Amino acid sequence: ANNQGIISKNGYSQASKERALLDMIYLFKNYHFDNLRNIDWEKCAPLAKIYKNKQLEIRLKKYQQYAQ
């Protein structure tokens, strides 16, 4: 397991917003998000590489364009 984008706090782990976004678009390629304004897109690109999936990187770019 890769811990990038995972925040450990008070004995438990929680995904950052960016890691959670990537998990969702990795698992569900046509997932709809109501609001992506709080995503730090600069954090997403390096995190996307841990999935080793070119389609995920393409989908990420589309979501980023949609959010702007």
PDB file of N, CA and C in Angstrom:
ATOM      1  N   ALA A   1       0.844  -1.184   0.000  1.00  0.00           N
ATOM      2  CA  ALA A   1       0.000   0.000   0.000  1.00  0.00           C
ATOM      3  C   ALA A   1       0.884   1.239   0.000  1.00  0.00           C
ATOM      4  N   ASN A   2       0.445   2.248  -0.701  1.00  0.00           N
ATOM      5  CA  ASN A   2       1.179   3.497  -0.770  1.00  0.00           C
ATOM      6  C   ASN A   2       0.500   4.508   0.145  1.00  0.00           C
ATOM      7  N   ASN A   3       1.260   5.155   1.006  1.00  0.00           N
ATOM      8  CA  ASN A   3       0.696   6.085   1.983  1.00  0.00           C
ATOM      9  C   ASN A   3       0.688   7.534   1.530  1.00  0.00           C
ATOM     10  N   GLN A   4       1.057   7.796   0.279  1.00  0.00           N
ATOM     11  CA  GLN A   4       0.991   9.169  -0.215  1.00  0.00           C
ATOM     12  C   GLN A   4      -0.457   9.634  -0.184  1.00  0.00           C
ATOM     13  N   GLY A   5      -0.685  10.838   0.292  1.00  0.00           N
ATOM     14  CA  GLY A   5      -2.036  11.375   0.339  1.00  0.00           C
ATOM     15  C   GLY A   5      -2.869  10.813   1.469  1.00  0.00           C
ATOM     16  N   ILE A   6      -2.229  10.100   2.393  1.00  0.00           N
ATOM     17  CA  ILE A   6      -2.921   9.551   3.559  1.00  0.00           C
ATOM     18  C   ILE A   6      -2.446  10.321   4.786  1.00  0.00           C
ATOM     19  N   ILE A   7      -3.382  10.805   5.574  1.00  0.00           N
ATOM     20  CA  ILE A   7      -3.073  11.585   6.764  1.00  0.00           C
ATOM     21  C   ILE A   7      -3.327  10.714   7.985  1.00  0.00           C
ATOM     22  N   SER A   8      -2.305  10.540   8.817  1.00  0.00           N
ATOM     23  CA  SER A   8      -2.460   9.770  10.057  1.00  0.00           C
ATOM     24  C   SER A   8      -2.674  10.748  11.201  1.00  0.00           C
ATOM     25  N   LYS A   9      -3.769  10.530  11.945  1.00  0.00           N
ATOM     26  CA  LYS A   9      -4.123  11.454  13.009  1.00  0.00           C
ATOM     27  C   LYS A   9      -4.842  10.690  14.109  1.00  0.00           C
ATOM     28  N   ASN A  10      -4.394  10.845  15.338  1.00  0.00           N
ATOM     29  CA  ASN A  10      -5.030  10.217  16.503  1.00  0.00           C
ATOM     30  C   ASN A  10      -5.218   8.708  16.343  1.00  0.00           C
ATOM     31  N   GLY A  11      -4.250   8.045  15.731  1.00  0.00           N
ATOM     32  CA  GLY A  11      -4.306   6.595  15.620  1.00  0.00           C
ATOM     33  C   GLY A  11      -5.119   6.051  14.459  1.00  0.00           C
ATOM     34  N   TYR A  12      -5.606   6.914  13.589  1.00  0.00           N
ATOM     35  CA  TYR A  12      -6.339   6.420  12.417  1.00  0.00           C
ATOM     36  C   TYR A  12      -5.837   7.131  11.163  1.00  0.00           C
ATOM     37  N   SER A  13      -6.133   6.554  10.026  1.00  0.00           N
ATOM     38  CA  SER A  13      -5.695   7.115   8.744  1.00  0.00           C
ATOM     39  C   SER A  13      -6.889   7.634   7.964  1.00  0.00           C
ATOM     40  N   GLN A  14      -6.656   8.739   7.272  1.00  0.00           N
ATOM     41  CA  GLN A  14      -7.714   9.349   6.473  1.00  0.00           C
ATOM     42  C   GLN A  14      -7.093   9.828   5.166  1.00  0.00           C
ATOM     43  N   ALA A  15      -7.787   9.611   4.072  1.00  0.00           N
ATOM     44  CA  ALA A  15      -7.300  10.075   2.771  1.00  0.00           C
ATOM     45  C   ALA A  15      -7.483  11.580   2.662  1.00  0.00           C
ATOM     46  N   SER A  16      -6.512  12.230   2.031  1.00  0.00           N
ATOM     47  CA  SER A  16      -6.680  13.648   1.716  1.00  0.00           C
ATOM     48  C   SER A  16      -7.798  13.766   0.674  1.00  0.00           C
ATOM     49  N   LYS A  17      -8.298  14.973   0.472  1.00  0.00           N
ATOM     50  CA  LYS A  17      -9.339  15.183  -0.550  1.00  0.00           C
ATOM     51  C   LYS A  17      -8.860  14.707  -1.914  1.00  0.00           C
ATOM     52  N   GLU A  18      -7.600  14.991  -2.194  1.00  0.00           N
ATOM     53  CA  GLU A  18      -7.040  14.643  -3.495  1.00  0.00           C
ATOM     54  C   GLU A  18      -6.912  13.132  -3.664  1.00  0.00           C
ATOM     55  N   ARG A  19      -6.474  12.451  -2.629  1.00  0.00           N
ATOM     56  CA  ARG A  19      -6.351  10.984  -2.696  1.00  0.00           C
ATOM     57  C   ARG A  19      -7.738  10.347  -2.810  1.00  0.00           C
ATOM     58  N   ALA A  20      -8.708  10.873  -2.077  1.00  0.00           N
ATOM     59  CA  ALA A  20     -10.072  10.342  -2.154  1.00  0.00           C
ATOM     60  C   ALA A  20     -10.648  10.533  -3.559  1.00  0.00           C
ATOM     61  N   LEU A  21     -10.402  11.691  -4.158  1.00  0.00           N
ATOM     62  CA  LEU A  21     -10.849  11.946  -5.534  1.00  0.00           C
ATOM     63  C   LEU A  21     -10.254  10.913  -6.481  1.00  0.00           C
ATOM     64  N   LEU A  22      -8.950  10.693  -6.374  1.00  0.00           N
ATOM     65  CA  LEU A  22      -8.283   9.735  -7.258  1.00  0.00           C
ATOM     66  C   LEU A  22      -8.788   8.317  -7.037  1.00  0.00           C
ATOM     67  N   ASP A  23      -9.020   7.940  -5.790  1.00  0.00           N
ATOM     68  CA  ASP A  23      -9.578   6.611  -5.519  1.00  0.00           C
ATOM     69  C   ASP A  23     -10.923   6.443  -6.216  1.00  0.00           C
ATOM     70  N   MET A  24     -11.762   7.473  -6.132  1.00  0.00           N
ATOM     71  CA  MET A  24     -13.097   7.383  -6.739  1.00  0.00           C
ATOM     72  C   MET A  24     -13.032   7.293  -8.260  1.00  0.00           C
ATOM     73  N   ILE A  25     -12.193   8.111  -8.888  1.00  0.00           N
ATOM     74  CA  ILE A  25     -12.159   8.049 -10.354  1.00  0.00           C
ATOM     75  C   ILE A  25     -11.376   6.839 -10.852  1.00  0.00           C
ATOM     76  N   TYR A  26     -10.580   6.239  -9.999  1.00  0.00           N
ATOM     77  CA  TYR A  26      -9.922   4.973 -10.342  1.00  0.00           C
ATOM     78  C   TYR A  26     -10.940   3.834 -10.308  1.00  0.00           C
ATOM     79  N   LEU A  27     -11.772   3.826  -9.285  1.00  0.00           N
ATOM     80  CA  LEU A  27     -12.741   2.737  -9.114  1.00  0.00           C
ATOM     81  C   LEU A  27     -13.990   2.903  -9.977  1.00  0.00           C
ATOM     82  N   PHE A  28     -14.426   4.147 -10.173  1.00  0.00           N
ATOM     83  CA  PHE A  28     -15.665   4.438 -10.909  1.00  0.00           C
ATOM     84  C   PHE A  28     -15.349   5.464 -11.993  1.00  0.00           C
ATOM     85  N   LYS A  29     -15.124   5.008 -13.218  1.00  0.00           N
ATOM     86  CA  LYS A  29     -14.620   5.908 -14.252  1.00  0.00           C
ATOM     87  C   LYS A  29     -15.569   7.020 -14.668  1.00  0.00           C
ATOM     88  N   ASN A  30     -16.849   6.905 -14.418  1.00  0.00           N
ATOM     89  CA  ASN A  30     -17.789   7.964 -14.791  1.00  0.00           C
ATOM     90  C   ASN A  30     -18.461   8.592 -13.578  1.00  0.00           C
ATOM     91  N   TYR A  31     -17.766   8.655 -12.473  1.00  0.00           N
ATOM     92  CA  TYR A  31     -18.342   9.196 -11.239  1.00  0.00           C
ATOM     93  C   TYR A  31     -18.618  10.685 -11.401  1.00  0.00           C
ATOM     94  N   HIS A  32     -19.740  11.144 -10.848  1.00  0.00           N
ATOM     95  CA  HIS A  32     -20.103  12.566 -10.916  1.00  0.00           C
ATOM     96  C   HIS A  32     -19.845  13.228  -9.569  1.00  0.00           C
ATOM     97  N   PHE A  33     -19.142  14.347  -9.601  1.00  0.00           N
ATOM     98  CA  PHE A  33     -18.893  15.150  -8.406  1.00  0.00           C
ATOM     99  C   PHE A  33     -19.654  16.457  -8.551  1.00  0.00           C
ATOM    100  N   ASP A  34     -20.291  16.886  -7.487  1.00  0.00           N
ATOM    101  CA  ASP A  34     -21.020  18.149  -7.516  1.00  0.00           C
ATOM    102  C   ASP A  34     -20.092  19.358  -7.451  1.00  0.00           C
ATOM    103  N   ASN A  35     -19.010  19.248  -6.695  1.00  0.00           N
ATOM    104  CA  ASN A  35     -18.165  20.404  -6.457  1.00  0.00           C
ATOM    105  C   ASN A  35     -16.712  19.961  -6.308  1.00  0.00           C
ATOM    106  N   LEU A  36     -15.865  20.434  -7.190  1.00  0.00           N
ATOM    107  CA  LEU A  36     -14.440  20.090  -7.138  1.00  0.00           C
ATOM    108  C   LEU A  36     -13.569  21.327  -6.892  1.00  0.00           C
ATOM    109  N   ARG A  37     -14.170  22.416  -6.434  1.00  0.00           N
ATOM    110  CA  ARG A  37     -13.428  23.663  -6.254  1.00  0.00           C
ATOM    111  C   ARG A  37     -12.377  23.601  -5.151  1.00  0.00           C
ATOM    112  N   ASN A  38     -12.546  22.736  -4.167  1.00  0.00           N
ATOM    113  CA  ASN A  38     -11.598  22.671  -3.049  1.00  0.00           C
ATOM    114  C   ASN A  38     -10.442  21.702  -3.280  1.00  0.00           C
ATOM    115  N   ILE A  39     -10.359  21.149  -4.465  1.00  0.00           N
ATOM    116  CA  ILE A  39      -9.280  20.206  -4.775  1.00  0.00           C
ATOM    117  C   ILE A  39      -8.014  20.983  -5.131  1.00  0.00           C
ATOM    118  N   ASP A  40      -6.895  20.582  -4.567  1.00  0.00           N
ATOM    119  CA  ASP A  40      -5.597  21.156  -4.924  1.00  0.00           C
ATOM    120  C   ASP A  40      -5.053  20.318  -6.084  1.00  0.00           C
ATOM    121  N   TRP A  41      -5.255  20.808  -7.294  1.00  0.00           N
ATOM    122  CA  TRP A  41      -4.926  20.043  -8.494  1.00  0.00           C
ATOM    123  C   TRP A  41      -3.432  19.785  -8.619  1.00  0.00           C
ATOM    124  N   GLU A  42      -2.608  20.636  -8.037  1.00  0.00           N
ATOM    125  CA  GLU A  42      -1.159  20.422  -8.091  1.00  0.00           C
ATOM    126  C   GLU A  42      -0.739  19.195  -7.283  1.00  0.00           C
ATOM    127  N   LYS A  43      -1.519  18.814  -6.303  1.00  0.00           N
ATOM    128  CA  LYS A  43      -1.231  17.609  -5.516  1.00  0.00           C
ATOM    129  C   LYS A  43      -1.691  16.343  -6.241  1.00  0.00           C
ATOM    130  N   CYS A  44      -2.646  16.488  -7.136  1.00  0.00           N
ATOM    131  CA  CYS A  44      -3.249  15.315  -7.787  1.00  0.00           C
ATOM    132  C   CYS A  44      -2.317  14.609  -8.769  1.00  0.00           C
ATOM    133  N   ALA A  45      -1.604  15.362  -9.584  1.00  0.00           N
ATOM    134  CA  ALA A  45      -0.765  14.738 -10.620  1.00  0.00           C
ATOM    135  C   ALA A  45       0.279  13.791 -10.033  1.00  0.00           C
ATOM    136  N   PRO A  46       1.043  14.211  -9.009  1.00  0.00           N
ATOM    137  CA  PRO A  46       2.007  13.257  -8.431  1.00  0.00           C
ATOM    138  C   PRO A  46       1.321  12.052  -7.784  1.00  0.00           C
ATOM    139  N   LEU A  47       0.175  12.278  -7.147  1.00  0.00           N
ATOM    140  CA  LEU A  47      -0.552  11.165  -6.523  1.00  0.00           C
ATOM    141  C   LEU A  47      -1.072  10.188  -7.570  1.00  0.00           C
ATOM    142  N   ALA A  48      -1.486  10.703  -8.724  1.00  0.00           N
ATOM    143  CA  ALA A  48      -2.049   9.846  -9.773  1.00  0.00           C
ATOM    144  C   ALA A  48      -1.031   8.814 -10.257  1.00  0.00           C
ATOM    145  N   LYS A  49       0.230   9.144 -10.181  1.00  0.00           N
ATOM    146  CA  LYS A  49       1.277   8.231 -10.664  1.00  0.00           C
ATOM    147  C   LYS A  49       1.371   6.952  -9.833  1.00  0.00           C
ATOM    148  N   ILE A  50       0.924   6.975  -8.578  1.00  0.00           N
ATOM    149  CA  ILE A  50       1.022   5.766  -7.749  1.00  0.00           C
ATOM    150  C   ILE A  50       0.079   4.669  -8.233  1.00  0.00           C
ATOM    151  N   TYR A  51      -0.943   5.041  -9.008  1.00  0.00           N
ATOM    152  CA  TYR A  51      -1.902   4.060  -9.523  1.00  0.00           C
ATOM    153  C   TYR A  51      -1.371   3.328 -10.757  1.00  0.00           C
ATOM    154  N   LYS A  52      -0.361   3.913 -11.403  1.00  0.00           N
ATOM    155  CA  LYS A  52       0.224   3.324 -12.621  1.00  0.00           C
ATOM    156  C   LYS A  52      -0.855   2.995 -13.654  1.00  0.00           C
ATOM    157  N   ASN A  53      -1.693   4.015 -13.941  1.00  0.00           N
ATOM    158  CA  ASN A  53      -2.830   3.822 -14.827  1.00  0.00           C
ATOM    159  C   ASN A  53      -2.990   5.076 -15.688  1.00  0.00           C
ATOM    160  N   LYS A  54      -2.661   4.968 -16.966  1.00  0.00           N
ATOM    161  CA  LYS A  54      -2.735   6.115 -17.875  1.00  0.00           C
ATOM    162  C   LYS A  54      -4.162   6.632 -18.035  1.00  0.00           C
ATOM    163  N   GLN A  55      -5.141   5.735 -18.036  1.00  0.00           N
ATOM    164  CA  GLN A  55      -6.533   6.160 -18.168  1.00  0.00           C
ATOM    165  C   GLN A  55      -6.956   7.028 -16.987  1.00  0.00           C
ATOM    166  N   LEU A  56      -6.469   6.709 -15.811  1.00  0.00           N
ATOM    167  CA  LEU A  56      -6.766   7.532 -14.634  1.00  0.00           C
ATOM    168  C   LEU A  56      -6.202   8.936 -14.826  1.00  0.00           C
ATOM    169  N   GLU A  57      -4.991   9.033 -15.337  1.00  0.00           N
ATOM    170  CA  GLU A  57      -4.381  10.342 -15.559  1.00  0.00           C
ATOM    171  C   GLU A  57      -5.174  11.148 -16.589  1.00  0.00           C
ATOM    172  N   ILE A  58      -5.688  10.485 -17.610  1.00  0.00           N
ATOM    173  CA  ILE A  58      -6.514  11.154 -18.619  1.00  0.00           C
ATOM    174  C   ILE A  58      -7.824  11.632 -17.995  1.00  0.00           C
ATOM    175  N   ARG A  59      -8.466  10.770 -17.211  1.00  0.00           N
ATOM    176  CA  ARG A  59      -9.717  11.158 -16.542  1.00  0.00           C
ATOM    177  C   ARG A  59      -9.481  12.315 -15.577  1.00  0.00           C
ATOM    178  N   LEU A  60      -8.364  12.288 -14.869  1.00  0.00           N
ATOM    179  CA  LEU A  60      -8.037  13.363 -13.933  1.00  0.00           C
ATOM    180  C   LEU A  60      -7.982  14.704 -14.664  1.00  0.00           C
ATOM    181  N   LYS A  61      -7.354  14.739 -15.827  1.00  0.00           N
ATOM    182  CA  LYS A  61      -7.265  15.978 -16.608  1.00  0.00           C
ATOM    183  C   LYS A  61      -8.648  16.470 -17.016  1.00  0.00           C
ATOM    184  N   LYS A  62      -9.541  15.542 -17.366  1.00  0.00           N
ATOM    185  CA  LYS A  62     -10.902  15.928 -17.746  1.00  0.00           C
ATOM    186  C   LYS A  62     -11.657  16.509 -16.555  1.00  0.00           C
ATOM    187  N   TYR A  63     -11.520  15.895 -15.391  1.00  0.00           N
ATOM    188  CA  TYR A  63     -12.167  16.431 -14.191  1.00  0.00           C
ATOM    189  C   TYR A  63     -11.608  17.812 -13.858  1.00  0.00           C
ATOM    190  N   GLN A  64     -10.317  17.991 -14.030  1.00  0.00           N
ATOM    191  CA  GLN A  64      -9.700  19.280 -13.738  1.00  0.00           C
ATOM    192  C   GLN A  64     -10.240  20.358 -14.678  1.00  0.00           C
ATOM    193  N   GLN A  65     -10.365  20.041 -15.952  1.00  0.00           N
ATOM    194  CA  GLN A  65     -10.918  20.995 -16.916  1.00  0.00           C
ATOM    195  C   GLN A  65     -12.362  21.333 -16.567  1.00  0.00           C
ATOM    196  N   TYR A  66     -13.127  20.330 -16.164  1.00  0.00           N
ATOM    197  CA  TYR A  66     -14.523  20.528 -15.790  1.00  0.00           C
ATOM    198  C   TYR A  66     -14.638  21.455 -14.581  1.00  0.00           C
ATOM    199  N   ALA A  67     -13.711  21.342 -13.651  1.00  0.00           N
ATOM    200  CA  ALA A  67     -13.779  22.096 -12.400  1.00  0.00           C
ATOM    201  C   ALA A  67     -13.413  23.567 -12.578  1.00  0.00           C
ATOM    202  N   GLN A  68     -12.733  23.895 -13.672  1.00  0.00           N
ATOM    203  CA  GLN A  68     -12.266  25.281 -13.831  1.00  0.00           C
ATOM    204  C   GLN A  68     -13.188  26.116 -14.661  1.00  0.00           C
TER     205      GLN A  68
END
